[in-house]
């Protein structure tokens, strides 16, 4: 059973819709993320965090270009999911040849504008950290830190890690 309970996105993922539900066919959004090493990123999000991989899909170069997604590049997309069913949160990872990593200061969430981090709610922070440690991922700064009651229910902890491309990922959950 998937240990991850839910995902919210501020940097790269899904936020529940708070607008009129009749305007939407799903209450979550899918997030597409271009990565430098597709296999390494899939391992991080599946083996480390707890996503499940579904069948991916290809977007031909002509469709990607006509839609404004790329400048003539096809897309091979790997789909990761939290939960089950059509409304499950999906993270779509892809590698596009020739794509350069973002340059400049990306150390903190206030280093520049744009989506900056993922918040992933886990059932067991320690178990998630053990899985990530097997992949060589260590918490940032003093993580995990206990969250104050004014921000979360008692016993919840915030742990920050970085994915293989350096994107900040927050894990929020209890320690067992």
N, C-alpha and C. Protein backbone atom coordinates (compact mmCIF):
# COMPACT_ATOMS: atom_id res chain seq x y z
N UNK A 1 0.84 -1.18 0.00
CA UNK A 1 0.00 0.00 0.00
C UNK A 1 0.89 1.23 0.00
N UNK A 2 0.49 2.18 -0.76
CA UNK A 2 1.26 3.41 -0.87
C UNK A 2 1.25 4.14 0.46
N UNK A 3 2.43 4.49 0.96
CA UNK A 3 2.53 5.13 2.27
C UNK A 3 2.27 6.63 2.20
N UNK A 4 2.30 7.18 1.03
CA UNK A 4 2.09 8.61 0.91
C UNK A 4 0.59 8.87 0.86
N UNK A 5 0.12 9.75 1.71
CA UNK A 5 -1.30 10.00 1.82
C UNK A 5 -1.84 11.01 0.80
N UNK A 6 -1.11 12.08 0.55
CA UNK A 6 -1.61 13.10 -0.35
C UNK A 6 -0.47 13.98 -0.82
N UNK A 7 -0.68 14.73 -1.85
CA UNK A 7 0.36 15.64 -2.34
C UNK A 7 -0.27 16.99 -2.62
N UNK A 8 0.45 18.02 -2.25
CA UNK A 8 0.08 19.37 -2.62
C UNK A 8 1.25 19.93 -3.40
N UNK A 9 1.03 20.77 -4.35
CA UNK A 9 2.14 21.31 -5.11
C UNK A 9 2.19 22.81 -4.99
N UNK A 10 3.35 23.25 -4.72
CA UNK A 10 3.62 24.66 -4.79
C UNK A 10 4.70 24.86 -5.83
N UNK A 11 5.56 23.86 -5.99
CA UNK A 11 6.65 23.96 -6.94
C UNK A 11 6.39 23.16 -8.17
N UNK A 12 5.87 22.03 -8.00
CA UNK A 12 5.73 21.14 -9.14
C UNK A 12 4.58 20.17 -9.02
N UNK A 13 3.62 20.31 -8.17
CA UNK A 13 2.62 19.26 -8.07
C UNK A 13 1.18 19.72 -8.09
N UNK A 14 0.31 19.00 -7.35
CA UNK A 14 -1.13 19.21 -7.46
C UNK A 14 -1.72 19.91 -6.24
N UNK A 15 -2.55 20.88 -6.50
CA UNK A 15 -3.27 21.57 -5.44
C UNK A 15 -4.76 21.26 -5.59
N UNK A 16 -5.45 21.01 -4.48
CA UNK A 16 -6.88 20.82 -4.60
C UNK A 16 -7.54 22.11 -5.10
N UNK A 17 -8.51 21.97 -5.94
CA UNK A 17 -9.22 23.15 -6.45
C UNK A 17 -10.16 23.66 -5.37
N UNK A 18 -10.21 24.94 -5.19
CA UNK A 18 -11.11 25.53 -4.21
C UNK A 18 -12.20 26.33 -4.91
N UNK A 19 -12.15 26.38 -6.23
CA UNK A 19 -13.15 27.10 -7.00
C UNK A 19 -14.38 26.22 -7.19
N UNK A 20 -15.35 26.75 -7.89
CA UNK A 20 -16.58 26.04 -8.21
C UNK A 20 -16.24 24.72 -8.90
N UNK A 21 -16.60 23.59 -8.27
CA UNK A 21 -16.28 22.27 -8.82
C UNK A 21 -16.87 22.05 -10.20
N UNK A 22 -17.96 22.72 -10.54
CA UNK A 22 -18.57 22.50 -11.85
C UNK A 22 -17.69 23.00 -12.99
N UNK A 23 -16.69 23.80 -12.69
CA UNK A 23 -15.79 24.30 -13.72
C UNK A 23 -14.65 23.33 -14.01
N UNK A 24 -14.53 22.25 -13.24
CA UNK A 24 -13.41 21.33 -13.37
C UNK A 24 -13.90 19.89 -13.47
N UNK A 25 -13.14 19.07 -14.17
CA UNK A 25 -13.48 17.65 -14.27
C UNK A 25 -12.73 16.82 -13.25
N UNK A 26 -11.68 17.39 -12.65
CA UNK A 26 -10.90 16.74 -11.59
C UNK A 26 -10.57 17.78 -10.54
N UNK A 27 -10.41 17.33 -9.30
CA UNK A 27 -10.10 18.27 -8.22
C UNK A 27 -8.60 18.37 -7.93
N UNK A 28 -7.76 17.74 -8.75
CA UNK A 28 -6.32 17.89 -8.62
C UNK A 28 -5.76 18.26 -9.98
N UNK A 29 -4.54 18.77 -9.98
CA UNK A 29 -3.87 19.06 -11.24
C UNK A 29 -2.69 18.11 -11.39
N UNK A 30 -2.31 17.85 -12.63
CA UNK A 30 -1.12 17.05 -12.90
C UNK A 30 0.04 18.01 -13.07
N UNK A 31 1.22 17.56 -12.68
CA UNK A 31 2.40 18.38 -12.80
C UNK A 31 3.39 17.72 -13.73
N UNK A 32 3.90 18.45 -14.69
CA UNK A 32 4.95 17.97 -15.57
C UNK A 32 6.27 18.56 -15.13
N UNK A 33 7.30 17.74 -15.06
CA UNK A 33 8.60 18.20 -14.62
C UNK A 33 9.68 17.62 -15.53
N UNK A 34 10.47 18.50 -16.16
CA UNK A 34 11.59 18.08 -16.98
C UNK A 34 12.76 17.83 -16.05
N UNK A 35 13.39 16.67 -16.21
CA UNK A 35 14.48 16.26 -15.32
C UNK A 35 15.73 15.95 -16.14
N UNK A 36 16.88 15.97 -15.48
CA UNK A 36 18.14 15.71 -16.17
C UNK A 36 18.44 14.23 -16.30
N UNK A 37 17.99 13.40 -15.36
CA UNK A 37 18.23 11.96 -15.39
C UNK A 37 16.91 11.29 -15.03
N UNK A 38 16.22 10.82 -16.05
CA UNK A 38 14.87 10.29 -15.87
C UNK A 38 14.83 9.08 -14.94
N UNK A 39 15.71 8.12 -15.14
CA UNK A 39 15.69 6.92 -14.29
C UNK A 39 15.99 7.26 -12.83
N UNK A 40 16.95 8.14 -12.60
CA UNK A 40 17.30 8.54 -11.23
C UNK A 40 16.12 9.27 -10.57
N UNK A 41 15.44 10.13 -11.31
CA UNK A 41 14.29 10.85 -10.76
C UNK A 41 13.13 9.92 -10.48
N UNK A 42 12.87 8.97 -11.37
CA UNK A 42 11.80 8.00 -11.13
C UNK A 42 12.10 7.20 -9.88
N UNK A 43 13.34 6.76 -9.69
CA UNK A 43 13.72 6.02 -8.48
C UNK A 43 13.50 6.87 -7.23
N UNK A 44 13.89 8.15 -7.28
CA UNK A 44 13.72 9.04 -6.13
C UNK A 44 12.24 9.11 -5.73
N UNK A 45 11.37 9.38 -6.70
CA UNK A 45 9.96 9.57 -6.39
C UNK A 45 9.21 8.28 -6.11
N UNK A 46 9.66 7.14 -6.66
CA UNK A 46 8.97 5.87 -6.38
C UNK A 46 9.59 5.17 -5.18
N UNK A 47 10.84 4.75 -5.28
CA UNK A 47 11.49 4.01 -4.20
C UNK A 47 11.73 4.87 -2.96
N UNK A 48 12.04 6.15 -3.16
CA UNK A 48 12.34 7.04 -2.04
C UNK A 48 11.12 7.64 -1.39
N UNK A 49 10.26 8.26 -2.19
CA UNK A 49 9.11 8.99 -1.64
C UNK A 49 7.89 8.10 -1.51
N UNK A 50 7.64 7.23 -2.48
CA UNK A 50 6.49 6.34 -2.38
C UNK A 50 5.46 6.43 -3.49
N UNK A 51 5.73 7.18 -4.55
CA UNK A 51 4.82 7.23 -5.69
C UNK A 51 4.78 5.85 -6.35
N UNK A 52 3.75 5.58 -7.13
CA UNK A 52 3.63 4.38 -7.94
C UNK A 52 3.71 4.80 -9.40
N UNK A 53 4.43 4.01 -10.21
CA UNK A 53 4.53 4.36 -11.62
C UNK A 53 3.41 3.70 -12.42
N UNK A 54 2.76 4.49 -13.26
CA UNK A 54 1.74 4.00 -14.18
C UNK A 54 2.33 3.93 -15.58
N UNK A 55 1.53 3.50 -16.52
CA UNK A 55 1.96 3.47 -17.91
C UNK A 55 2.16 4.90 -18.40
N UNK A 56 3.29 5.15 -19.02
CA UNK A 56 3.58 6.48 -19.55
C UNK A 56 3.01 6.64 -20.95
N UNK A 57 3.40 7.73 -21.60
CA UNK A 57 2.91 7.99 -22.95
C UNK A 57 3.89 8.89 -23.69
N UNK A 58 3.76 8.90 -25.01
CA UNK A 58 4.60 9.73 -25.86
C UNK A 58 3.76 10.83 -26.49
N UNK A 59 4.36 12.00 -26.65
CA UNK A 59 3.75 13.11 -27.36
C UNK A 59 4.61 13.36 -28.59
N UNK A 60 4.06 13.15 -29.79
CA UNK A 60 4.86 13.38 -31.00
C UNK A 60 5.32 14.83 -31.10
N UNK A 61 6.45 15.03 -31.78
CA UNK A 61 7.04 16.37 -31.91
C UNK A 61 6.05 17.37 -32.52
N UNK A 62 5.28 16.95 -33.52
CA UNK A 62 4.35 17.90 -34.16
C UNK A 62 3.28 18.36 -33.19
N UNK A 63 2.73 17.45 -32.40
CA UNK A 63 1.71 17.83 -31.41
C UNK A 63 2.32 18.72 -30.33
N UNK A 64 3.50 18.34 -29.82
CA UNK A 64 4.16 19.15 -28.79
C UNK A 64 4.46 20.55 -29.30
N UNK A 65 4.86 20.66 -30.55
CA UNK A 65 5.17 21.97 -31.14
C UNK A 65 3.90 22.78 -31.37
N UNK A 66 2.89 22.14 -31.97
CA UNK A 66 1.63 22.85 -32.26
C UNK A 66 0.95 23.35 -30.98
N UNK A 67 1.11 22.61 -29.88
CA UNK A 67 0.50 23.02 -28.61
C UNK A 67 1.33 24.07 -27.89
N UNK A 68 2.58 24.27 -28.32
CA UNK A 68 3.45 25.24 -27.65
C UNK A 68 4.27 24.67 -26.52
N UNK A 69 4.33 23.34 -26.42
CA UNK A 69 5.11 22.72 -25.35
C UNK A 69 6.60 22.70 -25.65
N UNK A 70 6.97 22.40 -26.89
CA UNK A 70 8.38 22.31 -27.27
C UNK A 70 8.60 23.02 -28.60
N UNK A 71 9.87 23.12 -28.98
CA UNK A 71 10.22 23.70 -30.28
C UNK A 71 10.67 22.60 -31.23
N UNK A 72 9.82 21.60 -31.40
CA UNK A 72 10.11 20.53 -32.33
C UNK A 72 10.61 19.26 -31.67
N UNK A 73 10.53 19.16 -30.36
CA UNK A 73 11.02 17.99 -29.64
C UNK A 73 9.84 17.09 -29.24
N UNK A 74 9.99 15.77 -29.44
CA UNK A 74 8.96 14.85 -28.94
C UNK A 74 9.13 14.69 -27.43
N UNK A 75 8.11 14.17 -26.78
CA UNK A 75 8.17 13.93 -25.33
C UNK A 75 7.84 12.48 -25.02
N UNK A 76 8.66 11.86 -24.22
CA UNK A 76 8.38 10.53 -23.66
C UNK A 76 8.15 10.77 -22.18
N UNK A 77 6.93 10.55 -21.72
CA UNK A 77 6.54 10.94 -20.36
C UNK A 77 6.31 9.71 -19.50
N UNK A 78 6.93 9.70 -18.33
CA UNK A 78 6.72 8.66 -17.32
C UNK A 78 5.78 9.24 -16.28
N UNK A 79 4.74 8.49 -15.95
CA UNK A 79 3.68 8.98 -15.07
C UNK A 79 3.78 8.31 -13.71
N UNK A 80 3.87 9.13 -12.67
CA UNK A 80 3.89 8.66 -11.28
C UNK A 80 2.61 9.15 -10.62
N UNK A 81 2.09 8.37 -9.68
CA UNK A 81 0.80 8.69 -9.10
C UNK A 81 0.80 8.49 -7.59
N UNK A 82 -0.01 9.31 -6.93
CA UNK A 82 -0.33 9.14 -5.51
C UNK A 82 -1.82 8.86 -5.44
N UNK A 83 -2.18 7.75 -4.86
CA UNK A 83 -3.58 7.40 -4.77
C UNK A 83 -4.02 6.57 -5.96
N UNK A 84 -5.34 6.43 -6.08
CA UNK A 84 -5.91 5.61 -7.14
C UNK A 84 -7.05 6.35 -7.81
N UNK A 85 -7.37 5.95 -8.99
CA UNK A 85 -8.51 6.52 -9.71
C UNK A 85 -8.13 7.72 -10.54
N UNK A 86 -9.12 8.22 -11.27
CA UNK A 86 -8.90 9.32 -12.20
C UNK A 86 -8.48 10.62 -11.53
N UNK A 87 -8.86 10.80 -10.28
CA UNK A 87 -8.54 12.07 -9.62
C UNK A 87 -7.26 12.00 -8.79
N UNK A 88 -6.51 10.92 -8.91
CA UNK A 88 -5.25 10.80 -8.17
C UNK A 88 -4.25 11.83 -8.69
N UNK A 89 -3.43 12.32 -7.81
CA UNK A 89 -2.39 13.28 -8.17
C UNK A 89 -1.35 12.59 -9.04
N UNK A 90 -0.98 13.25 -10.14
CA UNK A 90 0.01 12.67 -11.05
C UNK A 90 1.20 13.61 -11.21
N UNK A 91 2.38 13.02 -11.20
CA UNK A 91 3.62 13.72 -11.48
C UNK A 91 4.16 13.12 -12.77
N UNK A 92 4.29 13.95 -13.80
CA UNK A 92 4.73 13.48 -15.12
C UNK A 92 6.17 13.92 -15.33
N UNK A 93 7.08 12.94 -15.36
CA UNK A 93 8.49 13.22 -15.51
C UNK A 93 8.94 12.95 -16.93
N UNK A 94 9.82 13.82 -17.45
CA UNK A 94 10.34 13.63 -18.79
C UNK A 94 11.73 14.21 -18.89
N UNK A 95 12.52 13.66 -19.79
CA UNK A 95 13.83 14.20 -20.11
C UNK A 95 13.76 14.68 -21.55
N UNK A 96 14.19 15.91 -21.79
CA UNK A 96 14.22 16.45 -23.14
C UNK A 96 15.67 16.76 -23.47
N UNK A 97 16.18 16.08 -24.48
CA UNK A 97 17.59 16.24 -24.86
C UNK A 97 17.93 17.71 -25.06
N UNK A 98 19.07 18.11 -24.52
CA UNK A 98 19.54 19.48 -24.70
C UNK A 98 19.00 20.48 -23.69
N UNK A 99 18.14 20.04 -22.79
CA UNK A 99 17.60 20.94 -21.79
C UNK A 99 18.65 21.19 -20.72
N UNK A 100 18.89 22.47 -20.44
CA UNK A 100 19.90 22.84 -19.45
C UNK A 100 19.24 23.10 -18.10
N UNK A 101 19.90 22.73 -17.02
CA UNK A 101 19.36 23.03 -15.70
C UNK A 101 19.26 24.54 -15.48
N UNK A 102 18.35 24.93 -14.62
CA UNK A 102 18.20 26.34 -14.25
C UNK A 102 19.49 26.80 -13.58
N UNK A 103 19.97 27.96 -13.97
CA UNK A 103 21.21 28.46 -13.37
C UNK A 103 20.90 29.55 -12.34
N UNK A 104 21.90 29.89 -11.58
CA UNK A 104 21.73 30.93 -10.58
C UNK A 104 21.42 30.34 -9.22
N UNK A 105 21.08 31.19 -8.31
CA UNK A 105 20.82 30.80 -6.93
C UNK A 105 19.49 30.07 -6.83
N UNK A 106 19.51 28.83 -6.42
CA UNK A 106 18.29 28.06 -6.17
C UNK A 106 18.30 27.45 -4.77
N UNK A 107 19.12 28.03 -3.91
CA UNK A 107 19.32 27.48 -2.56
C UNK A 107 18.04 27.49 -1.71
N UNK A 108 17.28 28.58 -1.78
CA UNK A 108 16.11 28.72 -0.92
C UNK A 108 14.87 29.00 -1.75
N UNK A 109 13.70 28.85 -1.15
CA UNK A 109 12.47 29.07 -1.90
C UNK A 109 12.29 30.52 -2.32
N UNK A 110 12.97 31.43 -1.68
CA UNK A 110 12.87 32.85 -2.04
C UNK A 110 13.99 33.28 -2.99
N UNK A 111 14.77 32.33 -3.51
CA UNK A 111 15.88 32.67 -4.39
C UNK A 111 15.42 33.23 -5.73
N UNK A 112 14.27 32.82 -6.21
CA UNK A 112 13.69 33.38 -7.43
C UNK A 112 12.22 33.03 -7.48
N UNK A 113 11.52 33.61 -8.44
CA UNK A 113 10.08 33.39 -8.54
C UNK A 113 9.78 32.07 -9.25
N UNK A 114 8.54 31.68 -9.21
CA UNK A 114 8.08 30.46 -9.87
C UNK A 114 7.77 29.38 -8.86
N UNK A 115 7.27 28.27 -9.36
CA UNK A 115 7.00 27.14 -8.48
C UNK A 115 8.30 26.72 -7.83
N UNK A 116 8.29 26.50 -6.52
CA UNK A 116 9.56 26.31 -5.82
C UNK A 116 9.69 25.01 -5.05
N UNK A 117 8.61 24.36 -4.66
CA UNK A 117 8.76 23.12 -3.89
C UNK A 117 7.50 22.29 -3.95
N UNK A 118 7.64 21.01 -3.62
CA UNK A 118 6.52 20.09 -3.49
C UNK A 118 6.29 19.84 -2.01
N UNK A 119 5.05 19.75 -1.60
CA UNK A 119 4.71 19.33 -0.25
C UNK A 119 4.04 17.98 -0.37
N UNK A 120 4.62 16.97 0.24
CA UNK A 120 4.09 15.61 0.17
C UNK A 120 3.81 15.15 1.59
N UNK A 121 2.58 14.75 1.83
CA UNK A 121 2.16 14.32 3.15
C UNK A 121 2.35 12.81 3.26
N UNK A 122 3.18 12.40 4.22
CA UNK A 122 3.52 10.99 4.39
C UNK A 122 2.94 10.44 5.68
N UNK A 123 2.71 9.14 5.71
CA UNK A 123 2.16 8.50 6.90
C UNK A 123 3.22 8.28 7.97
N UNK A 124 4.50 8.19 7.55
CA UNK A 124 5.57 7.90 8.49
C UNK A 124 6.86 8.56 8.00
N UNK A 125 7.23 9.65 8.62
CA UNK A 125 8.43 10.40 8.23
C UNK A 125 9.68 9.55 8.32
N UNK A 126 9.82 8.79 9.39
CA UNK A 126 11.02 7.97 9.56
C UNK A 126 11.15 6.92 8.47
N UNK A 127 10.03 6.29 8.09
CA UNK A 127 10.07 5.29 7.02
C UNK A 127 10.45 5.94 5.69
N UNK A 128 9.91 7.12 5.42
CA UNK A 128 10.26 7.84 4.18
C UNK A 128 11.75 8.19 4.18
N UNK A 129 12.27 8.64 5.31
CA UNK A 129 13.69 8.98 5.40
C UNK A 129 14.58 7.75 5.23
N UNK A 130 14.14 6.61 5.73
CA UNK A 130 14.91 5.38 5.57
C UNK A 130 14.96 4.97 4.10
N UNK A 131 13.84 5.10 3.39
CA UNK A 131 13.82 4.78 1.96
C UNK A 131 14.73 5.73 1.19
N UNK A 132 14.66 7.00 1.51
CA UNK A 132 15.49 8.00 0.82
C UNK A 132 16.97 7.79 1.13
N UNK A 133 17.30 7.40 2.36
CA UNK A 133 18.69 7.17 2.74
C UNK A 133 19.31 6.06 1.89
N UNK A 134 18.52 5.06 1.53
CA UNK A 134 19.01 3.99 0.66
C UNK A 134 19.42 4.52 -0.71
N UNK A 135 18.88 5.67 -1.10
CA UNK A 135 19.21 6.30 -2.37
C UNK A 135 20.28 7.38 -2.20
N UNK A 136 20.78 7.54 -0.96
CA UNK A 136 21.81 8.54 -0.69
C UNK A 136 21.27 9.93 -0.45
N UNK A 137 19.96 10.06 -0.18
CA UNK A 137 19.34 11.36 0.05
C UNK A 137 19.32 11.65 1.54
N UNK A 138 19.81 12.84 1.90
CA UNK A 138 19.84 13.26 3.30
C UNK A 138 18.96 14.48 3.50
N UNK A 139 18.38 14.63 4.70
CA UNK A 139 17.59 15.83 4.99
C UNK A 139 18.46 17.09 4.94
N UNK A 140 17.82 18.21 4.66
CA UNK A 140 18.48 19.51 4.60
C UNK A 140 18.43 20.14 6.00
N UNK A 141 19.46 20.88 6.34
CA UNK A 141 19.54 21.66 7.58
C UNK A 141 19.27 20.78 8.80
N UNK A 142 18.32 21.17 9.65
CA UNK A 142 18.04 20.44 10.88
C UNK A 142 16.81 19.53 10.73
N UNK A 143 16.36 19.30 9.51
CA UNK A 143 15.19 18.44 9.27
C UNK A 143 15.46 17.03 9.77
N UNK A 144 14.40 16.36 10.30
CA UNK A 144 13.04 16.82 10.46
C UNK A 144 12.85 17.71 11.68
N UNK A 145 11.96 18.67 11.54
CA UNK A 145 11.66 19.58 12.64
C UNK A 145 10.18 19.45 12.99
N UNK A 146 9.89 19.51 14.28
CA UNK A 146 8.50 19.44 14.74
C UNK A 146 7.77 20.72 14.33
N UNK A 147 6.56 20.56 13.82
CA UNK A 147 5.75 21.72 13.45
C UNK A 147 4.95 22.19 14.65
N UNK A 148 4.84 23.51 14.82
CA UNK A 148 4.04 24.02 15.94
C UNK A 148 2.55 23.74 15.73
N UNK A 149 1.83 23.63 16.82
CA UNK A 149 0.40 23.34 16.77
C UNK A 149 -0.38 24.37 15.95
N UNK A 150 0.15 25.58 15.82
CA UNK A 150 -0.53 26.62 15.04
C UNK A 150 -0.48 26.33 13.54
N UNK A 151 0.42 25.43 13.10
CA UNK A 151 0.56 25.12 11.68
C UNK A 151 0.07 23.73 11.29
N UNK A 152 0.05 22.81 12.24
CA UNK A 152 -0.30 21.43 11.91
C UNK A 152 -0.77 20.70 13.16
N UNK A 153 -1.44 19.57 12.97
CA UNK A 153 -1.83 18.78 14.14
C UNK A 153 -0.61 18.34 14.95
N UNK A 154 -0.81 18.06 16.21
CA UNK A 154 0.28 17.65 17.09
C UNK A 154 1.01 16.44 16.52
N UNK A 155 2.33 16.44 16.67
CA UNK A 155 3.14 15.31 16.25
C UNK A 155 3.62 15.34 14.81
N UNK A 156 3.23 16.37 14.08
CA UNK A 156 3.64 16.45 12.67
C UNK A 156 5.02 17.08 12.56
N UNK A 157 5.79 16.57 11.61
CA UNK A 157 7.16 17.04 11.38
C UNK A 157 7.33 17.46 9.92
N UNK A 158 8.21 18.41 9.71
CA UNK A 158 8.56 18.88 8.37
C UNK A 158 10.00 18.47 8.09
N UNK A 159 10.19 17.78 6.97
CA UNK A 159 11.52 17.37 6.55
C UNK A 159 11.72 17.86 5.13
N UNK A 160 12.82 18.56 4.88
CA UNK A 160 13.13 19.03 3.53
C UNK A 160 14.28 18.21 2.96
N UNK A 161 14.10 17.77 1.71
CA UNK A 161 15.13 17.05 0.96
C UNK A 161 15.16 17.65 -0.44
N UNK A 162 16.15 17.26 -1.22
CA UNK A 162 16.23 17.70 -2.62
C UNK A 162 16.15 16.48 -3.52
N UNK A 163 15.40 16.62 -4.63
CA UNK A 163 15.34 15.53 -5.60
C UNK A 163 16.62 15.54 -6.43
N UNK A 164 16.81 14.61 -7.36
CA UNK A 164 18.07 14.55 -8.10
C UNK A 164 18.43 15.82 -8.88
N UNK A 165 17.45 16.66 -9.20
CA UNK A 165 17.75 17.91 -9.90
C UNK A 165 17.85 19.10 -8.96
N UNK A 166 17.81 18.85 -7.66
CA UNK A 166 17.96 19.91 -6.68
C UNK A 166 16.67 20.60 -6.28
N UNK A 167 15.52 20.12 -6.78
CA UNK A 167 14.24 20.70 -6.40
C UNK A 167 13.93 20.37 -4.95
N UNK A 168 13.43 21.34 -4.23
CA UNK A 168 13.08 21.15 -2.82
C UNK A 168 11.79 20.35 -2.69
N UNK A 169 11.83 19.32 -1.85
CA UNK A 169 10.67 18.48 -1.58
C UNK A 169 10.45 18.47 -0.07
N UNK A 170 9.25 18.90 0.34
CA UNK A 170 8.88 18.86 1.76
C UNK A 170 8.13 17.57 2.03
N UNK A 171 8.54 16.87 3.06
CA UNK A 171 7.80 15.71 3.55
C UNK A 171 7.16 16.12 4.87
N UNK A 172 5.87 15.98 4.97
CA UNK A 172 5.16 16.39 6.18
C UNK A 172 4.42 15.19 6.73
N UNK A 173 4.71 14.84 7.98
CA UNK A 173 4.04 13.70 8.59
C UNK A 173 4.56 13.41 9.96
N UNK A 174 3.95 12.43 10.62
CA UNK A 174 4.38 12.07 11.98
C UNK A 174 5.65 11.22 11.95
N UNK A 175 6.34 11.19 13.06
CA UNK A 175 7.47 10.28 13.25
C UNK A 175 6.95 9.13 14.08
N UNK A 176 7.28 7.92 13.71
CA UNK A 176 6.73 6.74 14.40
C UNK A 176 7.61 6.34 15.54
